Protein backbone atom coordinates (compact mmCIF):
# COMPACT_ATOMS: atom_id res chain seq x y z
CA MET A 1 -12.75 124.05 112.69
CA ARG A 2 -11.51 125.76 115.78
CA GLY A 3 -9.86 129.12 115.91
CA ALA A 4 -6.11 129.28 115.55
CA ALA A 5 -3.70 129.55 118.45
CA ARG A 6 -0.40 130.44 116.72
CA ARG A 7 -0.82 127.55 114.33
CA SER A 8 1.56 127.21 111.41
CA ALA A 9 0.59 126.12 107.89
CA ASN A 10 1.81 122.62 108.76
CA ILE A 11 -0.46 122.38 111.79
CA ASN A 12 -3.44 123.58 109.79
CA VAL A 13 -2.75 121.00 107.12
CA MET A 14 -2.58 118.28 109.77
CA PHE A 15 -5.82 119.48 111.39
CA LYS A 16 -7.73 119.27 108.15
CA ALA A 17 -6.44 115.80 107.34
CA VAL A 18 -7.23 114.51 110.81
CA GLU A 19 -10.74 115.94 110.81
CA LYS A 20 -11.55 114.20 107.50
CA ALA A 21 -10.17 110.85 108.71
CA ALA A 22 -12.00 111.19 112.02
CA TYR A 23 -15.33 111.51 110.29
CA GLY A 24 -15.03 107.91 109.05
CA LEU A 25 -13.88 106.61 112.42
CA LYS A 26 -16.89 108.19 114.17
CA ARG A 27 -19.17 106.49 111.67
CA ASP A 28 -17.44 103.12 112.00
CA PHE A 29 -17.40 103.32 115.79
CA GLY A 30 -21.15 103.56 115.70
CA GLU A 31 -21.31 100.33 113.71
CA VAL A 32 -18.43 98.55 115.35
CA GLU A 33 -20.19 95.18 115.46
CA ASN A 34 -20.47 95.14 111.67
CA LEU A 35 -16.76 95.86 110.94
CA GLN A 36 -14.83 93.25 109.08
CA VAL A 37 -11.90 92.32 111.27
CA SER A 38 -8.75 90.44 110.33
CA MET A 39 -5.88 89.30 112.54
CA LYS A 40 -2.31 90.71 112.41
CA GLY A 41 -1.23 88.54 115.29
CA PRO A 42 -2.40 87.31 118.72
CA ALA A 43 -4.70 89.86 120.22
CA ASP A 44 -3.50 92.45 117.71
CA PHE A 45 -6.50 93.32 115.65
CA VAL A 46 -6.74 95.55 112.64
CA SER A 47 -10.10 96.60 111.28
CA ALA A 48 -11.28 98.06 108.02
CA ALA A 49 -11.50 101.33 109.92
CA ASP A 50 -7.72 101.55 110.32
CA HIS A 51 -7.18 101.22 106.57
CA ARG A 52 -9.84 103.70 105.62
CA ALA A 53 -8.54 106.28 108.08
CA GLU A 54 -4.94 105.79 106.97
CA LYS A 55 -5.86 106.07 103.29
CA ARG A 56 -7.71 109.37 103.91
CA LEU A 57 -4.84 110.80 105.96
CA ARG A 58 -2.30 109.90 103.29
CA GLU A 59 -4.40 111.33 100.49
CA GLU A 60 -4.95 114.64 102.26
CA LEU A 61 -1.37 115.07 103.37
CA GLU A 62 0.06 114.13 100.02
CA ARG A 63 -2.16 116.67 98.37
CA ALA A 64 -1.01 119.46 100.74
CA ARG A 65 2.67 118.44 100.94
CA PRO A 66 3.64 116.51 97.81
CA GLY A 67 7.05 114.93 98.17
CA TYR A 68 6.95 114.27 101.90
CA GLY A 69 7.53 110.66 102.93
CA PHE A 70 5.43 108.53 105.24
CA LEU A 71 5.87 106.02 108.07
CA LEU A 72 2.47 104.34 108.41
CA GLU A 73 1.21 101.75 110.87
CA GLU A 74 -0.50 99.74 108.19
CA GLY A 75 1.35 100.83 105.01
CA GLY A 76 4.92 100.85 106.30
CA GLU A 77 7.56 103.28 105.10
CA ILE A 78 7.07 105.20 101.90
CA LYS A 79 9.94 107.34 100.66
CA GLY A 80 9.22 110.81 99.34
CA SER A 81 11.09 112.99 96.91
CA ASP A 82 11.79 115.33 99.83
CA PRO A 83 14.46 113.46 101.84
CA GLU A 84 14.06 115.67 104.94
CA HIS A 85 10.37 115.39 105.75
CA ARG A 86 8.06 112.55 106.54
CA TRP A 87 4.73 112.02 108.22
CA ILE A 88 4.52 109.42 111.06
CA ILE A 89 0.96 108.19 111.32
CA ASP A 90 -1.14 105.96 113.52
CA PRO A 91 -4.61 106.16 112.02
CA LEU A 92 -6.27 104.41 114.96
CA ASP A 93 -4.36 104.11 118.19
CA GLY A 94 -6.40 102.00 120.60
CA THR A 95 -7.77 99.60 118.05
CA THR A 96 -8.70 97.03 120.71
CA ASN A 97 -10.68 99.69 122.59
CA PHE A 98 -12.36 100.67 119.36
CA LEU A 99 -13.38 97.15 118.47
CA HIS A 100 -14.82 96.56 121.93
CA GLY A 101 -16.87 99.73 121.89
CA ILE A 102 -14.69 101.50 124.46
CA PRO A 103 -14.67 105.23 123.57
CA HIS A 104 -10.91 105.83 124.12
CA PHE A 105 -8.91 105.85 120.87
CA ALA A 106 -7.09 108.44 118.80
CA ILE A 107 -5.53 109.51 115.54
CA SER A 108 -1.86 110.42 115.92
CA VAL A 109 0.04 112.35 113.24
CA ALA A 110 3.59 113.71 113.57
CA LEU A 111 5.81 115.59 111.16
CA GLN A 112 9.44 114.68 111.21
CA LYS A 113 12.23 116.85 109.75
CA GLY A 114 15.56 115.13 109.71
CA ASP A 115 15.92 113.53 113.10
CA GLU A 116 13.47 115.85 114.86
CA ILE A 117 9.70 115.75 115.35
CA ILE A 118 8.64 119.31 114.62
CA ALA A 119 4.83 119.06 114.83
CA GLY A 120 2.23 116.70 116.15
CA ILE A 121 -1.52 116.15 116.55
CA ILE A 122 -3.32 113.59 118.74
CA TYR A 123 -7.10 113.65 118.30
CA ASP A 124 -9.27 111.91 120.83
CA VAL A 125 -12.10 111.07 118.45
CA ALA A 126 -14.81 110.03 120.92
CA LYS A 127 -14.25 113.01 123.25
CA ASP A 128 -13.53 115.52 120.45
CA GLU A 129 -10.29 116.71 122.00
CA PHE A 130 -7.52 118.01 119.75
CA PHE A 131 -4.09 117.84 121.38
CA TRP A 132 -1.38 119.50 119.30
CA ALA A 133 2.14 120.71 119.55
CA GLU A 134 4.78 122.41 117.48
CA LYS A 135 8.49 122.67 118.21
CA GLY A 136 9.27 125.95 119.89
CA VAL A 137 5.54 126.99 119.98
CA GLY A 138 4.20 124.88 122.83
CA ALA A 139 1.57 122.18 123.42
CA TYR A 140 -2.14 122.85 123.38
CA LEU A 141 -5.54 121.25 123.95
CA ASP A 142 -7.60 123.07 121.33
CA ASN A 143 -6.52 126.66 122.18
CA ARG A 144 -5.50 126.09 125.77
CA ARG A 145 -1.79 125.96 126.58
CA LEU A 146 -0.71 122.71 128.28
CA ARG A 147 1.73 122.17 131.11
CA VAL A 148 2.80 118.95 132.73
CA SER A 149 1.90 118.25 136.35
CA GLY A 150 3.94 120.07 138.95
CA ARG A 151 3.88 117.32 141.60
CA ARG A 152 7.26 116.48 143.12
CA ARG A 153 6.45 113.44 145.25
CA LEU A 154 5.86 110.07 143.68
CA ASN A 155 3.39 109.07 146.44
CA GLU A 156 1.07 111.88 145.22
CA CYS A 157 1.22 110.87 141.59
CA VAL A 158 -1.24 109.02 139.35
CA LEU A 159 0.74 107.21 136.65
CA ALA A 160 -0.22 105.55 133.37
CA CYS A 161 1.37 102.48 131.83
CA GLY A 162 0.97 99.92 129.12
CA VAL A 163 0.29 96.30 130.15
CA PRO A 164 1.77 93.41 128.16
CA HIS A 165 -0.73 90.98 126.66
CA ILE A 166 -0.71 87.68 124.89
CA GLY A 167 2.26 87.43 122.55
CA HIS A 168 3.60 90.88 123.40
CA GLY A 169 6.08 92.29 125.92
CA ASP A 170 8.06 90.97 128.88
CA HIS A 171 5.36 89.94 131.31
CA ALA A 172 7.69 88.97 134.17
CA ALA A 173 9.68 92.25 134.04
CA PHE A 174 6.46 94.30 133.87
CA GLU A 175 5.00 92.55 136.91
CA LYS A 176 8.09 93.49 138.91
CA GLN A 177 7.88 97.12 137.75
CA LEU A 178 4.18 97.39 138.47
CA HIS A 179 4.57 95.96 141.98
CA SER A 180 7.37 98.38 142.72
CA VAL A 181 5.52 101.41 141.40
CA MET A 182 2.18 100.47 143.06
CA ASP A 183 3.92 100.57 146.44
CA ARG A 184 5.15 104.14 145.82
CA CYS A 185 2.41 106.04 144.02
CA ALA A 186 -1.21 107.16 144.44
CA GLY A 187 -2.52 105.07 141.58
CA VAL A 188 -1.76 103.37 138.24
CA ARG A 189 -3.95 103.52 135.15
CA ARG A 190 -3.91 101.43 131.94
CA MET A 191 -6.06 103.16 129.27
CA GLY A 192 -5.07 101.29 126.11
CA ALA A 193 -3.86 104.11 123.76
CA ALA A 194 -0.26 105.17 124.11
CA SER A 195 -0.73 108.44 122.20
CA LEU A 196 -3.43 109.58 124.62
CA ASP A 197 -1.39 108.51 127.61
CA LEU A 198 1.36 110.85 126.42
CA ALA A 199 -1.14 113.62 125.70
CA TYR A 200 -2.60 113.23 129.19
CA VAL A 201 0.87 113.65 130.68
CA ALA A 202 1.33 116.79 128.66
CA ALA A 203 -2.03 118.04 129.95
CA GLY A 204 -1.17 117.23 133.60
CA ARG A 205 -3.94 114.64 133.84
CA PHE A 206 -1.37 111.93 134.44
CA ASP A 207 1.75 112.72 136.39
CA GLY A 208 3.85 110.21 134.49
CA TYR A 209 3.77 107.28 132.08
CA TRP A 210 5.95 104.33 131.18
CA GLU A 211 5.73 101.64 128.54
CA SER A 212 8.03 99.48 126.37
CA HIS A 213 7.71 97.66 123.06
CA LEU A 214 6.12 100.65 121.36
CA ASN A 215 6.29 101.70 117.70
CA ALA A 216 7.35 105.10 116.39
CA TRP A 217 3.78 105.90 115.22
CA ASP A 218 2.43 105.25 118.75
CA ILE A 219 4.63 107.92 120.35
CA ALA A 220 6.06 110.39 117.82
CA ALA A 221 3.50 113.14 118.28
CA GLY A 222 3.18 112.53 122.04
CA LEU A 223 6.94 112.87 122.67
CA LEU A 224 6.94 116.35 121.19
CA MET A 225 3.76 117.21 123.12
CA ILE A 226 5.32 116.41 126.46
CA THR A 227 8.58 118.28 125.84
CA GLU A 228 6.64 121.35 124.60
CA ALA A 229 4.49 121.14 127.73
CA GLY A 230 7.63 121.33 129.90
CA GLY A 231 7.98 117.60 130.51
CA TYR A 232 10.91 115.26 130.47
CA VAL A 233 11.14 112.05 128.44
CA ARG A 234 13.71 109.31 128.17
CA ASP A 235 13.78 105.67 127.22
CA ALA A 236 14.08 102.84 129.71
CA LYS A 237 17.91 103.06 129.69
CA GLY A 238 17.98 106.83 130.09
CA GLY A 239 18.64 107.53 126.42
CA THR A 240 16.91 109.91 124.02
CA ASN A 241 16.21 107.57 121.13
CA MET A 242 12.68 106.69 122.14
CA LEU A 243 11.50 106.29 118.52
CA GLY A 244 14.24 103.69 118.03
CA THR A 245 14.07 101.80 121.29
CA GLY A 246 10.30 101.83 121.63
CA SER A 247 10.39 102.55 125.35
CA VAL A 248 9.23 105.65 127.20
CA VAL A 249 9.45 106.98 130.72
CA ALA A 250 7.80 110.41 130.86
CA ALA A 251 6.88 112.89 133.60
CA ASN A 252 8.03 116.28 134.83
CA ASP A 253 11.72 116.77 135.54
CA TYR A 254 11.26 115.97 139.25
CA ILE A 255 9.22 112.72 138.91
CA GLN A 256 10.79 111.29 135.76
CA PRO A 257 14.22 110.44 137.32
CA VAL A 258 12.53 108.95 140.38
CA LEU A 259 10.14 106.88 138.28
CA ALA A 260 12.91 105.75 135.95
CA LYS A 261 15.08 104.67 138.91
CA THR A 262 12.17 102.80 140.46
CA LEU A 263 11.47 100.90 137.20
CA LYS A 264 15.16 100.08 136.61
CA LYS A 265 15.71 98.91 140.20
CA ALA A 266 12.68 96.62 139.99
CA VAL A 267 14.11 94.53 137.16
CA THR A 268 17.75 94.51 138.23
CA GLU A 269 17.44 93.42 141.80
């Protein structure tokens, strides 16, 4: 375990659970060719590793915070006796990367109280990077405080996005958006793990990020991370219900409105 940087009891509980789940993912990643793989849908794989990691996370968090509910990628929604709190968990974000031996995937855990995300962890398993944030406390990579990029010109920015694939997303609309953004920025990256895209924006590695058709467990921890790092996040229509709409446009407060306008204009013209 790493030394604390103003971590609350909740953050410490989350760290311990994530570390235990990550142990199994590291083992499974080393034997990726032997994993039993089933199909949830076209090009949407789920491996035995997802289920094992989710089971471990739930066990550890239930033990530490009995009564809290869960929203799980694999297990769905589980009501707790505490109506205010629930964990939002993606046990393996970047499953396709994982199954292809690409070392870019993460565990994402967020704690929701009422309508607010109050704590989040995104752990890049292959690179051993712990991104974490707590409402009012800030965002961190291990013990280093994070701040979003300070760039103010879109033509200087490197942006991340999600790319639709077979059976998912609006391909025609995305192609229009990508073409419009490509003409105005310094580069576009598609990495394959939404939680890490958000963490990278919080860390200033990416200047901005957009994607649609996301799930709450993909983005819950990352949304808090960006706002605690001084960033600005809205959905594709400019609203604040990203968990509900499943769309995200994130950057600093200079770039986000410009990026959002560019994306909107691309699909309305």
